[in-house]
Amino acid sequence: MNITIKDVDEPVFRKFKAESVRKRMKLGNALTNAMMTWLEKEQGKKKVKKHFLDLKPFDWGEGTERSSVEVDEILYAK
């Protein structure tokens, strides 16, 4: 299929074309591979569902050891 693509960043295109020549690939094949890689990456982002149980604890720093207790006292008037 023959296509025309507008608004391509020239320096990026030159690097892309040079890399395809270096790897002895036709420009169309290199572009197809790049598009497939991008699509796989984007589809992978959508499939990743984060779960609450995947969260890991972290240190809030010195002086915050009682933060949870203080929040409970404020919220629940304990």
PDB file of N, CA and C in Angstrom:
ATOM      1  N   MET A   1       0.849  -1.165   0.000  1.00  0.00           N
ATOM      2  CA  MET A   1       0.000   0.000   0.000  1.00  0.00           C
ATOM      3  C   MET A   1       0.898   1.232   0.000  1.00  0.00           C
ATOM      4  N   ASN A   2       0.579   2.200  -0.798  1.00  0.00           N
ATOM      5  CA  ASN A   2       1.309   3.468  -0.841  1.00  0.00           C
ATOM      6  C   ASN A   2       0.530   4.514  -0.064  1.00  0.00           C
ATOM      7  N   ILE A   3       1.231   5.226   0.828  1.00  0.00           N
ATOM      8  CA  ILE A   3       0.581   6.251   1.639  1.00  0.00           C
ATOM      9  C   ILE A   3       1.452   7.498   1.685  1.00  0.00           C
ATOM     10  N   THR A   4       0.848   8.595   2.076  1.00  0.00           N
ATOM     11  CA  THR A   4       1.568   9.843   2.325  1.00  0.00           C
ATOM     12  C   THR A   4       1.330  10.210   3.783  1.00  0.00           C
ATOM     13  N   ILE A   5       2.398  10.546   4.480  1.00  0.00           N
ATOM     14  CA  ILE A   5       2.282  10.925   5.890  1.00  0.00           C
ATOM     15  C   ILE A   5       2.741  12.370   6.024  1.00  0.00           C
ATOM     16  N   LYS A   6       1.911  13.192   6.641  1.00  0.00           N
ATOM     17  CA  LYS A   6       2.220  14.613   6.816  1.00  0.00           C
ATOM     18  C   LYS A   6       2.715  14.875   8.234  1.00  0.00           C
ATOM     19  N   ASP A   7       3.372  16.001   8.391  1.00  0.00           N
ATOM     20  CA  ASP A   7       3.813  16.517   9.694  1.00  0.00           C
ATOM     21  C   ASP A   7       4.746  15.561  10.437  1.00  0.00           C
ATOM     22  N   VAL A   8       5.679  14.948   9.724  1.00  0.00           N
ATOM     23  CA  VAL A   8       6.677  14.082  10.345  1.00  0.00           C
ATOM     24  C   VAL A   8       7.876  14.942  10.732  1.00  0.00           C
ATOM     25  N   ASP A   9       8.353  14.772  11.950  1.00  0.00           N
ATOM     26  CA  ASP A   9       9.522  15.514  12.416  1.00  0.00           C
ATOM     27  C   ASP A   9      10.739  15.075  11.585  1.00  0.00           C
ATOM     28  N   GLU A  10      11.338  16.016  10.870  1.00  0.00           N
ATOM     29  CA  GLU A  10      12.404  15.673   9.918  1.00  0.00           C
ATOM     30  C   GLU A  10      13.624  15.019  10.567  1.00  0.00           C
ATOM     31  N   PRO A  11      14.161  15.560  11.676  1.00  0.00           N
ATOM     32  CA  PRO A  11      15.327  14.899  12.290  1.00  0.00           C
ATOM     33  C   PRO A  11      15.009  13.471  12.758  1.00  0.00           C
ATOM     34  N   VAL A  12      13.827  13.276  13.292  1.00  0.00           N
ATOM     35  CA  VAL A  12      13.435  11.936  13.744  1.00  0.00           C
ATOM     36  C   VAL A  12      13.326  11.000  12.547  1.00  0.00           C
ATOM     37  N   PHE A  13      12.714  11.487  11.467  1.00  0.00           N
ATOM     38  CA  PHE A  13      12.574  10.658  10.272  1.00  0.00           C
ATOM     39  C   PHE A  13      13.941  10.289   9.700  1.00  0.00           C
ATOM     40  N   ARG A  14      14.861  11.246   9.681  1.00  0.00           N
ATOM     41  CA  ARG A  14      16.199  10.963   9.148  1.00  0.00           C
ATOM     42  C   ARG A  14      16.897   9.880   9.970  1.00  0.00           C
ATOM     43  N   LYS A  15      16.791   9.965  11.294  1.00  0.00           N
ATOM     44  CA  LYS A  15      17.390   8.937  12.155  1.00  0.00           C
ATOM     45  C   LYS A  15      16.728   7.585  11.928  1.00  0.00           C
ATOM     46  N   PHE A  16      15.398   7.598  11.806  1.00  0.00           N
ATOM     47  CA  PHE A  16      14.650   6.362  11.572  1.00  0.00           C
ATOM     48  C   PHE A  16      15.073   5.732  10.248  1.00  0.00           C
ATOM     49  N   LYS A  17      15.167   6.549   9.219  1.00  0.00           N
ATOM     50  CA  LYS A  17      15.548   6.053   7.894  1.00  0.00           C
ATOM     51  C   LYS A  17      16.980   5.516   7.920  1.00  0.00           C
ATOM     52  N   ALA A  18      17.879   6.235   8.580  1.00  0.00           N
ATOM     53  CA  ALA A  18      19.272   5.786   8.675  1.00  0.00           C
ATOM     54  C   ALA A  18      19.367   4.445   9.396  1.00  0.00           C
ATOM     55  N   GLU A  19      18.581   4.286  10.444  1.00  0.00           N
ATOM     56  CA  GLU A  19      18.590   3.018  11.187  1.00  0.00           C
ATOM     57  C   GLU A  19      18.042   1.887  10.328  1.00  0.00           C
ATOM     58  N   SER A  20      17.011   2.156   9.555  1.00  0.00           N
ATOM     59  CA  SER A  20      16.461   1.103   8.689  1.00  0.00           C
ATOM     60  C   SER A  20      17.479   0.714   7.615  1.00  0.00           C
ATOM     61  N   VAL A  21      18.226   1.679   7.096  1.00  0.00           N
ATOM     62  CA  VAL A  21      19.275   1.378   6.112  1.00  0.00           C
ATOM     63  C   VAL A  21      20.383   0.568   6.774  1.00  0.00           C
ATOM     64  N   ARG A  22      20.769   0.973   7.981  1.00  0.00           N
ATOM     65  CA  ARG A  22      21.827   0.262   8.709  1.00  0.00           C
ATOM     66  C   ARG A  22      21.454  -1.197   8.935  1.00  0.00           C
ATOM     67  N   LYS A  23      20.173  -1.450   9.196  1.00  0.00           N
ATOM     68  CA  LYS A  23      19.704  -2.824   9.426  1.00  0.00           C
ATOM     69  C   LYS A  23      19.286  -3.518   8.131  1.00  0.00           C
ATOM     70  N   ARG A  24      19.497  -2.822   7.010  1.00  0.00           N
ATOM     71  CA  ARG A  24      19.170  -3.356   5.686  1.00  0.00           C
ATOM     72  C   ARG A  24      17.698  -3.739   5.569  1.00  0.00           C
ATOM     73  N   MET A  25      16.857  -2.865   6.092  1.00  0.00           N
ATOM     74  CA  MET A  25      15.409  -3.068   6.012  1.00  0.00           C
ATOM     75  C   MET A  25      14.824  -2.059   5.044  1.00  0.00           C
ATOM     76  N   LYS A  26      13.765  -2.461   4.378  1.00  0.00           N
ATOM     77  CA  LYS A  26      13.021  -1.494   3.578  1.00  0.00           C
ATOM     78  C   LYS A  26      12.332  -0.543   4.545  1.00  0.00           C
ATOM     79  N   LEU A  27      12.216   0.702   4.153  1.00  0.00           N
ATOM     80  CA  LEU A  27      11.620   1.712   5.023  1.00  0.00           C
ATOM     81  C   LEU A  27      10.192   1.335   5.404  1.00  0.00           C
ATOM     82  N   GLY A  28       9.433   0.799   4.464  1.00  0.00           N
ATOM     83  CA  GLY A  28       8.058   0.381   4.751  1.00  0.00           C
ATOM     84  C   GLY A  28       7.999  -0.710   5.803  1.00  0.00           C
ATOM     85  N   ASN A  29       8.920  -1.686   5.718  1.00  0.00           N
ATOM     86  CA  ASN A  29       8.954  -2.759   6.719  1.00  0.00           C
ATOM     87  C   ASN A  29       9.337  -2.217   8.093  1.00  0.00           C
ATOM     88  N   ALA A  30      10.300  -1.304   8.108  1.00  0.00           N
ATOM     89  CA  ALA A  30      10.715  -0.710   9.379  1.00  0.00           C
ATOM     90  C   ALA A  30       9.565   0.073  10.006  1.00  0.00           C
ATOM     91  N   LEU A  31       8.829   0.810   9.180  1.00  0.00           N
ATOM     92  CA  LEU A  31       7.692   1.579   9.688  1.00  0.00           C
ATOM     93  C   LEU A  31       6.589   0.652  10.192  1.00  0.00           C
ATOM     94  N   THR A  32       6.336  -0.426   9.468  1.00  0.00           N
ATOM     95  CA  THR A  32       5.338  -1.403   9.912  1.00  0.00           C
ATOM     96  C   THR A  32       5.731  -1.992  11.259  1.00  0.00           C
ATOM     97  N   ASN A  33       7.010  -2.361  11.416  1.00  0.00           N
ATOM     98  CA  ASN A  33       7.484  -2.900  12.700  1.00  0.00           C
ATOM     99  C   ASN A  33       7.333  -1.876  13.818  1.00  0.00           C
ATOM    100  N   ALA A  34       7.653  -0.619  13.529  1.00  0.00           N
ATOM    101  CA  ALA A  34       7.529   0.435  14.541  1.00  0.00           C
ATOM    102  C   ALA A  34       6.072   0.628  14.947  1.00  0.00           C
ATOM    103  N   MET A  35       5.170   0.598  13.966  1.00  0.00           N
ATOM    104  CA  MET A  35       3.746   0.767  14.283  1.00  0.00           C
ATOM    105  C   MET A  35       3.225  -0.413  15.088  1.00  0.00           C
ATOM    106  N   MET A  36       3.647  -1.627  14.734  1.00  0.00           N
ATOM    107  CA  MET A  36       3.206  -2.809  15.480  1.00  0.00           C
ATOM    108  C   MET A  36       3.715  -2.764  16.915  1.00  0.00           C
ATOM    109  N   THR A  37       4.969  -2.367  17.088  1.00  0.00           N
ATOM    110  CA  THR A  37       5.544  -2.254  18.430  1.00  0.00           C
ATOM    111  C   THR A  37       4.784  -1.233  19.259  1.00  0.00           C
ATOM    112  N   TRP A  38       4.466  -0.093  18.660  1.00  0.00           N
ATOM    113  CA  TRP A  38       3.729   0.953  19.368  1.00  0.00           C
ATOM    114  C   TRP A  38       2.337   0.464  19.756  1.00  0.00           C
ATOM    115  N   LEU A  39       1.654  -0.216  18.821  1.00  0.00           N
ATOM    116  CA  LEU A  39       0.310  -0.721  19.115  1.00  0.00           C
ATOM    117  C   LEU A  39       0.330  -1.750  20.235  1.00  0.00           C
ATOM    118  N   GLU A  40       1.307  -2.655  20.217  1.00  0.00           N
ATOM    119  CA  GLU A  40       1.421  -3.655  21.281  1.00  0.00           C
ATOM    120  C   GLU A  40       1.653  -2.984  22.627  1.00  0.00           C
ATOM    121  N   LYS A  41       2.494  -1.957  22.637  1.00  0.00           N
ATOM    122  CA  LYS A  41       2.773  -1.226  23.878  1.00  0.00           C
ATOM    123  C   LYS A  41       1.510  -0.546  24.396  1.00  0.00           C
ATOM    124  N   GLU A  42       0.762   0.098  23.504  1.00  0.00           N
ATOM    125  CA  GLU A  42      -0.467   0.788  23.901  1.00  0.00           C
ATOM    126  C   GLU A  42      -1.527  -0.196  24.385  1.00  0.00           C
ATOM    127  N   GLN A  43      -1.660  -1.322  23.720  1.00  0.00           N
ATOM    128  CA  GLN A  43      -2.643  -2.324  24.133  1.00  0.00           C
ATOM    129  C   GLN A  43      -2.250  -2.927  25.471  1.00  0.00           C
ATOM    130  N   GLY A  44      -0.949  -3.077  25.701  1.00  0.00           N
ATOM    131  CA  GLY A  44      -0.470  -3.597  26.976  1.00  0.00           C
ATOM    132  C   GLY A  44      -0.798  -2.670  28.122  1.00  0.00           C
ATOM    133  N   LYS A  45      -0.764  -1.356  27.869  1.00  0.00           N
ATOM    134  CA  LYS A  45      -1.103  -0.386  28.908  1.00  0.00           C
ATOM    135  C   LYS A  45      -2.559  -0.531  29.324  1.00  0.00           C
ATOM    136  N   LYS A  46      -3.429  -0.776  28.360  1.00  0.00           N
ATOM    137  CA  LYS A  46      -4.853  -0.863  28.644  1.00  0.00           C
ATOM    138  C   LYS A  46      -5.201  -2.134  29.405  1.00  0.00           C
ATOM    139  N   LYS A  47      -4.434  -3.207  29.177  1.00  0.00           N
ATOM    140  CA  LYS A  47      -4.737  -4.482  29.806  1.00  0.00           C
ATOM    141  C   LYS A  47      -4.270  -4.549  31.257  1.00  0.00           C
ATOM    142  N   VAL A  48      -3.310  -3.711  31.612  1.00  0.00           N
ATOM    143  CA  VAL A  48      -2.773  -3.739  32.966  1.00  0.00           C
ATOM    144  C   VAL A  48      -3.790  -3.116  33.912  1.00  0.00           C
ATOM    145  N   LYS A  49      -4.295  -3.936  34.801  1.00  0.00           N
ATOM    146  CA  LYS A  49      -5.216  -3.434  35.812  1.00  0.00           C
ATOM    147  C   LYS A  49      -4.503  -3.492  37.152  1.00  0.00           C
ATOM    148  N   LYS A  50      -4.418  -2.361  37.780  1.00  0.00           N
ATOM    149  CA  LYS A  50      -3.761  -2.319  39.078  1.00  0.00           C
ATOM    150  C   LYS A  50      -4.763  -2.705  40.155  1.00  0.00           C
ATOM    151  N   HIS A  51      -4.278  -3.412  41.116  1.00  0.00           N
ATOM    152  CA  HIS A  51      -5.114  -3.892  42.195  1.00  0.00           C
ATOM    153  C   HIS A  51      -4.644  -3.253  43.497  1.00  0.00           C
ATOM    154  N   PHE A  52      -5.572  -2.956  44.362  1.00  0.00           N
ATOM    155  CA  PHE A  52      -5.255  -2.327  45.638  1.00  0.00           C
ATOM    156  C   PHE A  52      -4.216  -3.132  46.418  1.00  0.00           C
ATOM    157  N   LEU A  53      -4.301  -4.445  46.339  1.00  0.00           N
ATOM    158  CA  LEU A  53      -3.380  -5.293  47.090  1.00  0.00           C
ATOM    159  C   LEU A  53      -1.958  -5.263  46.527  1.00  0.00           C
ATOM    160  N   ASP A  54      -1.779  -4.701  45.340  1.00  0.00           N
ATOM    161  CA  ASP A  54      -0.445  -4.581  44.758  1.00  0.00           C
ATOM    162  C   ASP A  54       0.328  -3.401  45.342  1.00  0.00           C
ATOM    163  N   LEU A  55      -0.344  -2.515  46.081  1.00  0.00           N
ATOM    164  CA  LEU A  55       0.324  -1.360  46.682  1.00  0.00           C
ATOM    165  C   LEU A  55       1.301  -1.814  47.758  1.00  0.00           C
ATOM    166  N   LYS A  56       2.449  -1.199  47.786  1.00  0.00           N
ATOM    167  CA  LYS A  56       3.478  -1.527  48.769  1.00  0.00           C
ATOM    168  C   LYS A  56       3.598  -0.378  49.766  1.00  0.00           C
ATOM    169  N   PRO A  57       3.831  -0.692  51.044  1.00  0.00           N
ATOM    170  CA  PRO A  57       3.988   0.365  52.046  1.00  0.00           C
ATOM    171  C   PRO A  57       5.287   1.139  51.813  1.00  0.00           C
ATOM    172  N   PHE A  58       5.308   2.391  52.262  1.00  0.00           N
ATOM    173  CA  PHE A  58       6.525   3.181  52.155  1.00  0.00           C
ATOM    174  C   PHE A  58       6.620   4.103  53.353  1.00  0.00           C
ATOM    175  N   ASP A  59       7.824   4.565  53.642  1.00  0.00           N
ATOM    176  CA  ASP A  59       8.111   5.404  54.801  1.00  0.00           C
ATOM    177  C   ASP A  59       7.803   6.860  54.468  1.00  0.00           C
ATOM    178  N   TRP A  60       6.961   7.480  55.288  1.00  0.00           N
ATOM    179  CA  TRP A  60       6.592   8.881  55.083  1.00  0.00           C
ATOM    180  C   TRP A  60       7.613   9.824  55.720  1.00  0.00           C
ATOM    181  N   GLY A  61       8.567   9.292  56.434  1.00  0.00           N
ATOM    182  CA  GLY A  61       9.608  10.121  57.034  1.00  0.00           C
ATOM    183  C   GLY A  61       9.454  10.243  58.540  1.00  0.00           C
ATOM    184  N   GLU A  62      10.454  10.847  59.138  1.00  0.00           N
ATOM    185  CA  GLU A  62      10.489  10.995  60.589  1.00  0.00           C
ATOM    186  C   GLU A  62       9.352  11.877  61.078  1.00  0.00           C
ATOM    187  N   GLY A  63       8.736  11.473  62.176  1.00  0.00           N
ATOM    188  CA  GLY A  63       7.654  12.247  62.767  1.00  0.00           C
ATOM    189  C   GLY A  63       6.278  11.869  62.252  1.00  0.00           C
ATOM    190  N   THR A  64       6.208  10.873  61.408  1.00  0.00           N
ATOM    191  CA  THR A  64       4.908  10.471  60.861  1.00  0.00           C
ATOM    192  C   THR A  64       4.492   9.085  61.349  1.00  0.00           C
ATOM    193  N   GLU A  65       5.166   8.600  62.372  1.00  0.00           N
ATOM    194  CA  GLU A  65       4.901   7.249  62.857  1.00  0.00           C
ATOM    195  C   GLU A  65       3.464   7.086  63.363  1.00  0.00           C
ATOM    196  N   ARG A  66       2.883   8.151  63.886  1.00  0.00           N
ATOM    197  CA  ARG A  66       1.529   8.083  64.447  1.00  0.00           C
ATOM    198  C   ARG A  66       0.479   8.670  63.513  1.00  0.00           C
ATOM    199  N   SER A  67       0.818   8.895  62.276  1.00  0.00           N
ATOM    200  CA  SER A  67      -0.114   9.543  61.342  1.00  0.00           C
ATOM    201  C   SER A  67      -1.430   8.800  61.236  1.00  0.00           C
ATOM    202  N   SER A  68      -1.380   7.483  61.145  1.00  0.00           N
ATOM    203  CA  SER A  68      -2.606   6.701  61.007  1.00  0.00           C
ATOM    204  C   SER A  68      -3.498   6.872  62.236  1.00  0.00           C
ATOM    205  N   VAL A  69      -2.892   6.842  63.415  1.00  0.00           N
ATOM    206  CA  VAL A  69      -3.650   7.005  64.655  1.00  0.00           C
ATOM    207  C   VAL A  69      -4.247   8.411  64.715  1.00  0.00           C
ATOM    208  N   GLU A  70      -3.474   9.416  64.331  1.00  0.00           N
ATOM    209  CA  GLU A  70      -3.954  10.795  64.358  1.00  0.00           C
ATOM    210  C   GLU A  70      -5.098  11.018  63.374  1.00  0.00           C
ATOM    211  N   VAL A  71      -5.005  10.419  62.208  1.00  0.00           N
ATOM    212  CA  VAL A  71      -6.089  10.528  61.226  1.00  0.00           C
ATOM    213  C   VAL A  71      -7.343   9.867  61.771  1.00  0.00           C
ATOM    214  N   ASP A  72      -7.195   8.683  62.373  1.00  0.00           N
ATOM    215  CA  ASP A  72      -8.355   7.998  62.957  1.00  0.00           C
ATOM    216  C   ASP A  72      -9.004   8.848  64.045  1.00  0.00           C
ATOM    217  N   GLU A  73      -8.187   9.495  64.880  1.00  0.00           N
ATOM    218  CA  GLU A  73      -8.731  10.339  65.941  1.00  0.00           C
ATOM    219  C   GLU A  73      -9.529  11.500  65.361  1.00  0.00           C
ATOM    220  N   ILE A  74      -9.046  12.076  64.282  1.00  0.00           N
ATOM    221  CA  ILE A  74      -9.749  13.194  63.649  1.00  0.00           C
ATOM    222  C   ILE A  74     -11.031  12.714  62.981  1.00  0.00           C
ATOM    223  N   LEU A  75     -10.925  11.652  62.196  1.00  0.00           N
ATOM    224  CA  LEU A  75     -12.080  11.172  61.431  1.00  0.00           C
ATOM    225  C   LEU A  75     -13.164  10.555  62.307  1.00  0.00           C
ATOM    226  N   TYR A  76     -12.730   9.783  63.289  1.00  0.00           N
ATOM    227  CA  TYR A  76     -13.695   9.020  64.074  1.00  0.00           C
ATOM    228  C   TYR A  76     -13.865   9.564  65.487  1.00  0.00           C
ATOM    229  N   ALA A  77     -13.297  10.722  65.774  1.00  0.00           N
ATOM    230  CA  ALA A  77     -13.410  11.401  67.069  1.00  0.00           C
ATOM    231  C   ALA A  77     -13.119  10.456  68.219  1.00  0.00           C
ATOM    232  N   LYS A  78     -12.004   9.763  68.116  1.00  0.00           N
ATOM    233  CA  LYS A  78     -11.609   8.832  69.191  1.00  0.00           C
ATOM    234  C   LYS A  78     -10.769   9.544  70.209  1.00  0.00           C
TER     235      LYS A  78
END
